[in-house]
Amino acid sequence: TGAPTLGTCTLPPPAALPLSHAGDSASGLARFAFGRRQGVFHVTNRGSCSRFGMARDILELAGLDPDVLVPIDSTALDRPARRPEYSVLDDMAMRLAGISRLRHYRDALADYIESAEWTGTKSAARSRQ
């Protein structure tokens, strides 16, 4: 692929989780403040992925080789508490209330990576979508 080589990195196995871009979440929360909505609303970007999937997305969008990542069994991590396999928050309450949903997490991630000073590959994030 011509991407720079990083070496191998190990990550915990897939466990689904929600992702939220701070700017998107702030915008979503403002809709509630000005709309005087009541209830429990999960304001997260659309879509979900595992920590492993998120790390792969970050490398891919930054123009790096995501194949350097190797999933490992979570029992190798010696964590004090077990992590849930699926902990995605659903924006169902927003949908039912007719409140516009936040964009997909990959779009937000691409914007973040594109604006981040550490990549030096501003075009890679957009060209990979």
N, C-alpha and C. Protein backbone atom coordinates (compact mmCIF):
# COMPACT_ATOMS: atom_id res chain seq x y z
N THR A 1 0.81 -1.22 0.00
CA THR A 1 0.00 0.00 0.00
C THR A 1 0.85 1.27 0.00
N GLY A 2 2.15 1.14 0.27
CA GLY A 2 3.00 2.31 0.32
C GLY A 2 2.92 3.06 1.63
N ALA A 3 2.15 2.54 2.59
CA ALA A 3 2.01 3.20 3.88
C ALA A 3 3.25 2.96 4.73
N PRO A 4 3.59 3.92 5.59
CA PRO A 4 4.75 3.73 6.47
C PRO A 4 4.57 2.52 7.37
N THR A 5 5.65 1.86 7.74
CA THR A 5 5.61 0.70 8.62
C THR A 5 5.77 1.14 10.06
N LEU A 6 4.94 0.59 10.94
CA LEU A 6 4.98 0.94 12.35
C LEU A 6 5.51 -0.18 13.23
N GLY A 7 5.54 -1.40 12.75
CA GLY A 7 5.81 -2.54 13.62
C GLY A 7 4.48 -3.15 14.03
N THR A 8 4.51 -4.07 14.96
CA THR A 8 3.28 -4.74 15.37
C THR A 8 2.77 -4.16 16.68
N CYS A 9 1.46 -4.09 16.79
CA CYS A 9 0.81 -3.57 18.00
C CYS A 9 -0.30 -4.53 18.37
N THR A 10 -0.44 -4.85 19.64
CA THR A 10 -1.52 -5.74 20.07
C THR A 10 -2.59 -4.93 20.78
N LEU A 11 -3.83 -5.33 20.54
CA LEU A 11 -4.98 -4.65 21.14
C LEU A 11 -5.97 -5.68 21.66
N PRO A 12 -6.83 -5.28 22.62
CA PRO A 12 -7.86 -6.19 23.10
C PRO A 12 -8.78 -6.60 21.95
N PRO A 13 -9.50 -7.69 22.13
CA PRO A 13 -10.38 -8.19 21.08
C PRO A 13 -11.58 -7.27 20.88
N PRO A 14 -12.31 -7.50 19.79
CA PRO A 14 -13.48 -6.68 19.52
C PRO A 14 -14.48 -6.68 20.66
N ALA A 15 -14.85 -5.52 21.09
CA ALA A 15 -15.95 -5.30 22.02
C ALA A 15 -16.59 -4.00 21.56
N ALA A 16 -17.84 -4.03 21.19
CA ALA A 16 -18.48 -2.85 20.60
C ALA A 16 -18.62 -1.73 21.61
N LEU A 17 -18.38 -0.52 21.15
CA LEU A 17 -18.51 0.66 22.00
C LEU A 17 -18.93 1.85 21.13
N PRO A 18 -19.55 2.85 21.76
CA PRO A 18 -19.94 4.04 21.01
C PRO A 18 -18.77 5.01 20.94
N LEU A 19 -18.76 5.82 19.93
CA LEU A 19 -17.73 6.85 19.81
C LEU A 19 -18.43 8.20 19.72
N SER A 20 -17.83 9.20 20.32
CA SER A 20 -18.41 10.54 20.30
C SER A 20 -17.34 11.58 20.06
N HIS A 21 -17.57 12.41 19.08
CA HIS A 21 -16.70 13.56 18.79
C HIS A 21 -17.18 14.69 19.70
N ALA A 22 -16.29 15.32 20.43
CA ALA A 22 -16.67 16.34 21.42
C ALA A 22 -17.49 17.47 20.78
N GLY A 23 -17.06 17.93 19.62
CA GLY A 23 -17.80 19.01 18.95
C GLY A 23 -19.19 18.58 18.54
N ASP A 24 -19.32 17.35 18.05
CA ASP A 24 -20.63 16.83 17.67
C ASP A 24 -21.53 16.68 18.88
N SER A 25 -20.96 16.16 19.98
CA SER A 25 -21.75 15.99 21.20
C SER A 25 -22.23 17.33 21.74
N ALA A 26 -21.35 18.33 21.72
CA ALA A 26 -21.74 19.67 22.20
C ALA A 26 -22.88 20.22 21.36
N SER A 27 -22.78 20.04 20.06
CA SER A 27 -23.84 20.51 19.16
C SER A 27 -25.15 19.78 19.46
N GLY A 28 -25.04 18.46 19.66
CA GLY A 28 -26.23 17.68 19.98
C GLY A 28 -26.85 18.09 21.30
N LEU A 29 -26.02 18.34 22.29
CA LEU A 29 -26.54 18.75 23.61
C LEU A 29 -27.20 20.12 23.55
N ALA A 30 -26.68 20.99 22.70
CA ALA A 30 -27.29 22.32 22.56
C ALA A 30 -28.72 22.22 22.04
N ARG A 31 -28.98 21.22 21.21
CA ARG A 31 -30.35 21.02 20.70
C ARG A 31 -31.33 20.76 21.84
N PHE A 32 -30.85 20.07 22.87
CA PHE A 32 -31.71 19.78 24.02
C PHE A 32 -31.90 21.01 24.89
N ALA A 33 -30.82 21.75 25.08
CA ALA A 33 -30.88 22.93 25.94
C ALA A 33 -31.86 23.96 25.38
N PHE A 34 -31.78 24.18 24.07
CA PHE A 34 -32.65 25.19 23.46
C PHE A 34 -34.05 24.65 23.20
N GLY A 35 -34.18 23.35 23.06
CA GLY A 35 -35.49 22.74 22.82
C GLY A 35 -36.22 22.37 24.08
N ARG A 36 -35.57 22.55 25.22
CA ARG A 36 -36.14 22.23 26.53
C ARG A 36 -36.72 20.81 26.56
N ARG A 37 -35.95 19.86 26.07
CA ARG A 37 -36.35 18.45 26.06
C ARG A 37 -36.10 17.83 27.42
N GLN A 38 -36.94 16.89 27.78
CA GLN A 38 -36.75 16.17 29.03
C GLN A 38 -36.63 14.68 28.73
N GLY A 39 -35.88 13.97 29.55
CA GLY A 39 -35.73 12.54 29.38
C GLY A 39 -34.27 12.16 29.33
N VAL A 40 -34.02 10.90 29.05
CA VAL A 40 -32.66 10.39 28.94
C VAL A 40 -32.34 10.21 27.46
N PHE A 41 -31.35 10.92 27.01
CA PHE A 41 -30.94 10.87 25.60
C PHE A 41 -29.45 10.52 25.53
N HIS A 42 -29.13 9.54 24.73
CA HIS A 42 -27.73 9.19 24.48
C HIS A 42 -27.30 9.96 23.24
N VAL A 43 -26.38 10.91 23.42
CA VAL A 43 -25.92 11.75 22.32
C VAL A 43 -24.54 11.25 21.91
N THR A 44 -24.51 10.36 20.93
CA THR A 44 -23.26 9.81 20.43
C THR A 44 -23.30 9.81 18.90
N ASN A 45 -22.13 9.77 18.31
CA ASN A 45 -22.08 9.67 16.86
C ASN A 45 -22.66 8.33 16.43
N ARG A 46 -23.21 8.31 15.21
CA ARG A 46 -23.80 7.08 14.68
C ARG A 46 -22.72 6.02 14.45
N GLY A 47 -23.14 4.78 14.45
CA GLY A 47 -22.22 3.68 14.21
C GLY A 47 -21.54 3.23 15.49
N SER A 48 -20.92 2.09 15.41
CA SER A 48 -20.15 1.58 16.54
C SER A 48 -19.01 0.74 16.00
N CYS A 49 -18.06 0.49 16.85
CA CYS A 49 -16.93 -0.36 16.47
C CYS A 49 -16.27 -0.85 17.74
N SER A 50 -15.32 -1.74 17.57
CA SER A 50 -14.54 -2.22 18.71
C SER A 50 -13.33 -1.30 18.90
N ARG A 51 -12.64 -1.46 20.00
CA ARG A 51 -11.40 -0.71 20.19
C ARG A 51 -10.40 -1.08 19.10
N PHE A 52 -10.38 -2.35 18.76
CA PHE A 52 -9.52 -2.82 17.67
C PHE A 52 -9.92 -2.16 16.35
N GLY A 53 -11.23 -2.13 16.07
CA GLY A 53 -11.72 -1.49 14.84
C GLY A 53 -11.42 -0.01 14.82
N MET A 54 -11.55 0.66 15.96
CA MET A 54 -11.26 2.09 16.02
C MET A 54 -9.78 2.34 15.74
N ALA A 55 -8.92 1.53 16.32
CA ALA A 55 -7.48 1.69 16.08
C ALA A 55 -7.16 1.47 14.60
N ARG A 56 -7.80 0.48 13.98
CA ARG A 56 -7.60 0.23 12.54
C ARG A 56 -8.08 1.43 11.73
N ASP A 57 -9.26 1.97 12.10
CA ASP A 57 -9.79 3.15 11.39
C ASP A 57 -8.83 4.32 11.50
N ILE A 58 -8.28 4.55 12.68
CA ILE A 58 -7.36 5.67 12.89
C ILE A 58 -6.14 5.52 11.99
N LEU A 59 -5.54 4.34 11.98
CA LEU A 59 -4.37 4.13 11.14
C LEU A 59 -4.71 4.28 9.66
N GLU A 60 -5.82 3.69 9.25
CA GLU A 60 -6.22 3.77 7.84
C GLU A 60 -6.46 5.21 7.41
N LEU A 61 -7.21 5.95 8.22
CA LEU A 61 -7.54 7.34 7.87
C LEU A 61 -6.32 8.25 7.92
N ALA A 62 -5.30 7.85 8.69
CA ALA A 62 -4.07 8.63 8.76
C ALA A 62 -3.08 8.21 7.67
N GLY A 63 -3.50 7.27 6.82
CA GLY A 63 -2.64 6.84 5.73
C GLY A 63 -1.59 5.83 6.15
N LEU A 64 -1.81 5.17 7.29
CA LEU A 64 -0.86 4.17 7.80
C LEU A 64 -1.44 2.77 7.60
N ASP A 65 -0.62 1.76 7.75
CA ASP A 65 -1.02 0.37 7.53
C ASP A 65 -1.76 -0.19 8.74
N PRO A 66 -3.07 -0.45 8.64
CA PRO A 66 -3.81 -0.99 9.78
C PRO A 66 -3.50 -2.45 10.07
N ASP A 67 -2.82 -3.13 9.15
CA ASP A 67 -2.52 -4.54 9.35
C ASP A 67 -1.42 -4.79 10.38
N VAL A 68 -0.82 -3.72 10.91
CA VAL A 68 0.18 -3.89 11.97
C VAL A 68 -0.49 -4.23 13.30
N LEU A 69 -1.78 -4.07 13.37
CA LEU A 69 -2.50 -4.35 14.61
C LEU A 69 -2.86 -5.82 14.70
N VAL A 70 -2.68 -6.38 15.86
CA VAL A 70 -2.98 -7.79 16.10
C VAL A 70 -3.90 -7.87 17.30
N PRO A 71 -5.10 -8.46 17.15
CA PRO A 71 -5.98 -8.59 18.31
C PRO A 71 -5.43 -9.63 19.27
N ILE A 72 -5.65 -9.41 20.57
CA ILE A 72 -5.24 -10.38 21.58
C ILE A 72 -6.46 -10.78 22.40
N ASP A 73 -6.34 -11.86 23.11
CA ASP A 73 -7.41 -12.34 23.99
C ASP A 73 -7.44 -11.43 25.22
N SER A 74 -8.61 -11.00 25.63
CA SER A 74 -8.72 -10.07 26.76
C SER A 74 -8.24 -10.68 28.07
N THR A 75 -8.15 -12.00 28.17
CA THR A 75 -7.65 -12.61 29.40
C THR A 75 -6.17 -12.30 29.62
N ALA A 76 -5.47 -11.87 28.58
CA ALA A 76 -4.05 -11.54 28.69
C ALA A 76 -3.83 -10.15 29.31
N LEU A 77 -4.90 -9.40 29.56
CA LEU A 77 -4.77 -8.02 30.01
C LEU A 77 -4.77 -7.84 31.52
N ASP A 78 -5.17 -8.82 32.29
CA ASP A 78 -5.18 -8.73 33.75
C ASP A 78 -5.90 -7.47 34.23
N ARG A 79 -7.12 -7.28 33.76
CA ARG A 79 -7.93 -6.13 34.17
C ARG A 79 -8.64 -6.42 35.48
N PRO A 80 -8.84 -5.38 36.31
CA PRO A 80 -9.54 -5.61 37.58
C PRO A 80 -11.02 -5.92 37.40
N ALA A 81 -11.60 -5.50 36.29
CA ALA A 81 -13.02 -5.76 36.04
C ALA A 81 -13.21 -6.22 34.60
N ARG A 82 -14.14 -7.11 34.40
CA ARG A 82 -14.44 -7.59 33.06
C ARG A 82 -15.16 -6.51 32.28
N ARG A 83 -14.82 -6.35 31.04
CA ARG A 83 -15.47 -5.37 30.18
C ARG A 83 -16.63 -6.03 29.44
N PRO A 84 -17.73 -5.30 29.23
CA PRO A 84 -18.84 -5.89 28.50
C PRO A 84 -18.48 -6.09 27.03
N GLU A 85 -19.05 -7.11 26.42
CA GLU A 85 -18.80 -7.37 25.01
C GLU A 85 -19.50 -6.34 24.13
N TYR A 86 -20.62 -5.81 24.60
CA TYR A 86 -21.40 -4.87 23.79
C TYR A 86 -21.91 -3.76 24.71
N SER A 87 -21.40 -2.56 24.52
CA SER A 87 -21.82 -1.45 25.38
C SER A 87 -22.13 -0.20 24.55
N VAL A 88 -22.77 -0.41 23.41
CA VAL A 88 -23.11 0.69 22.52
C VAL A 88 -24.34 1.43 23.05
N LEU A 89 -24.28 2.75 23.04
CA LEU A 89 -25.43 3.56 23.42
C LEU A 89 -26.28 3.80 22.17
N ASP A 90 -27.58 3.71 22.32
CA ASP A 90 -28.50 3.89 21.20
C ASP A 90 -29.11 5.28 21.26
N ASP A 91 -29.17 5.95 20.12
CA ASP A 91 -29.78 7.29 20.07
C ASP A 91 -31.27 7.22 19.73
N MET A 92 -31.92 6.12 20.12
CA MET A 92 -33.33 5.91 19.82
C MET A 92 -34.20 7.06 20.33
N ALA A 93 -33.94 7.55 21.52
CA ALA A 93 -34.75 8.64 22.08
C ALA A 93 -34.65 9.89 21.21
N MET A 94 -33.48 10.15 20.67
CA MET A 94 -33.33 11.29 19.76
C MET A 94 -34.16 11.09 18.50
N ARG A 95 -34.09 9.88 17.94
CA ARG A 95 -34.85 9.59 16.71
C ARG A 95 -36.34 9.73 16.96
N LEU A 96 -36.81 9.16 18.07
CA LEU A 96 -38.25 9.22 18.38
C LEU A 96 -38.72 10.64 18.63
N ALA A 97 -37.84 11.48 19.16
CA ALA A 97 -38.20 12.88 19.44
C ALA A 97 -38.05 13.76 18.18
N GLY A 98 -37.59 13.16 17.09
CA GLY A 98 -37.44 13.93 15.86
C GLY A 98 -36.22 14.83 15.85
N ILE A 99 -35.26 14.54 16.71
CA ILE A 99 -34.03 15.34 16.78
C ILE A 99 -33.02 14.75 15.81
N SER A 100 -32.41 15.60 15.02
CA SER A 100 -31.47 15.09 14.02
C SER A 100 -30.30 14.38 14.68
N ARG A 101 -29.91 13.29 14.06
CA ARG A 101 -28.83 12.44 14.59
C ARG A 101 -27.47 13.05 14.28
N LEU A 102 -26.48 12.66 15.05
CA LEU A 102 -25.11 13.09 14.79
C LEU A 102 -24.57 12.29 13.60
N ARG A 103 -23.52 12.79 13.00
CA ARG A 103 -22.92 12.11 11.85
C ARG A 103 -22.26 10.80 12.28
N HIS A 104 -21.88 10.01 11.30
CA HIS A 104 -21.24 8.73 11.56
C HIS A 104 -19.87 8.96 12.19
N TYR A 105 -19.47 8.05 13.08
CA TYR A 105 -18.20 8.24 13.81
C TYR A 105 -17.00 8.30 12.86
N ARG A 106 -17.02 7.58 11.73
CA ARG A 106 -15.88 7.61 10.81
C ARG A 106 -15.72 8.99 10.17
N ASP A 107 -16.83 9.68 9.90
CA ASP A 107 -16.74 11.05 9.36
C ASP A 107 -16.11 11.98 10.39
N ALA A 108 -16.54 11.84 11.65
CA ALA A 108 -15.98 12.67 12.72
C ALA A 108 -14.50 12.34 12.94
N LEU A 109 -14.18 11.06 12.90
CA LEU A 109 -12.79 10.63 13.08
C LEU A 109 -11.91 11.16 11.95
N ALA A 110 -12.41 11.11 10.72
CA ALA A 110 -11.66 11.62 9.57
C ALA A 110 -11.41 13.12 9.73
N ASP A 111 -12.41 13.87 10.19
CA ASP A 111 -12.23 15.31 10.41
C ASP A 111 -11.18 15.57 11.47
N TYR A 112 -11.22 14.79 12.55
CA TYR A 112 -10.24 14.96 13.62
C TYR A 112 -8.83 14.66 13.13
N ILE A 113 -8.68 13.55 12.45
CA ILE A 113 -7.36 13.17 11.95
C ILE A 113 -6.85 14.18 10.94
N GLU A 114 -7.74 14.66 10.09
CA GLU A 114 -7.35 15.65 9.09
C GLU A 114 -6.88 16.95 9.73
N SER A 115 -7.48 17.30 10.85
CA SER A 115 -7.11 18.56 11.51
C SER A 115 -5.96 18.39 12.51
N ALA A 116 -5.63 17.14 12.85
CA ALA A 116 -4.59 16.89 13.84
C ALA A 116 -3.22 17.22 13.27
N GLU A 117 -2.40 17.86 14.06
CA GLU A 117 -1.07 18.26 13.61
C GLU A 117 -0.11 17.08 13.53
N TRP A 118 -0.39 15.99 14.22
CA TRP A 118 0.55 14.88 14.30
C TRP A 118 0.58 14.00 13.07
N THR A 119 -0.38 14.13 12.15
CA THR A 119 -0.39 13.20 11.02
C THR A 119 0.47 13.65 9.85
N GLY A 120 0.36 14.89 9.47
CA GLY A 120 1.07 15.34 8.29
C GLY A 120 0.51 14.75 7.01
N THR A 121 -0.66 14.08 7.11
CA THR A 121 -1.28 13.46 5.93
C THR A 121 -2.72 13.92 5.82
N LYS A 122 -2.92 15.19 5.71
CA LYS A 122 -4.27 15.73 5.71
C LYS A 122 -5.15 15.15 4.60
N SER A 123 -4.59 14.83 3.47
CA SER A 123 -5.40 14.30 2.37
C SER A 123 -5.76 12.84 2.55
N ALA A 124 -5.01 12.08 3.35
CA ALA A 124 -5.24 10.66 3.51
C ALA A 124 -6.61 10.37 4.12
N ALA A 125 -7.02 11.18 5.09
CA ALA A 125 -8.29 10.93 5.78
C ALA A 125 -9.45 11.00 4.81
N ARG A 126 -9.45 11.95 3.91
CA ARG A 126 -10.55 12.10 2.97
C ARG A 126 -10.46 11.13 1.79
N SER A 127 -9.27 10.82 1.34
CA SER A 127 -9.12 9.97 0.17
C SER A 127 -9.45 8.52 0.45
N ARG A 128 -9.48 8.10 1.70
CA ARG A 128 -9.74 6.70 2.06
C ARG A 128 -11.21 6.40 2.26
N GLN A 129 -12.08 7.41 2.29
CA GLN A 129 -13.50 7.15 2.60
C GLN A 129 -14.25 6.61 1.41
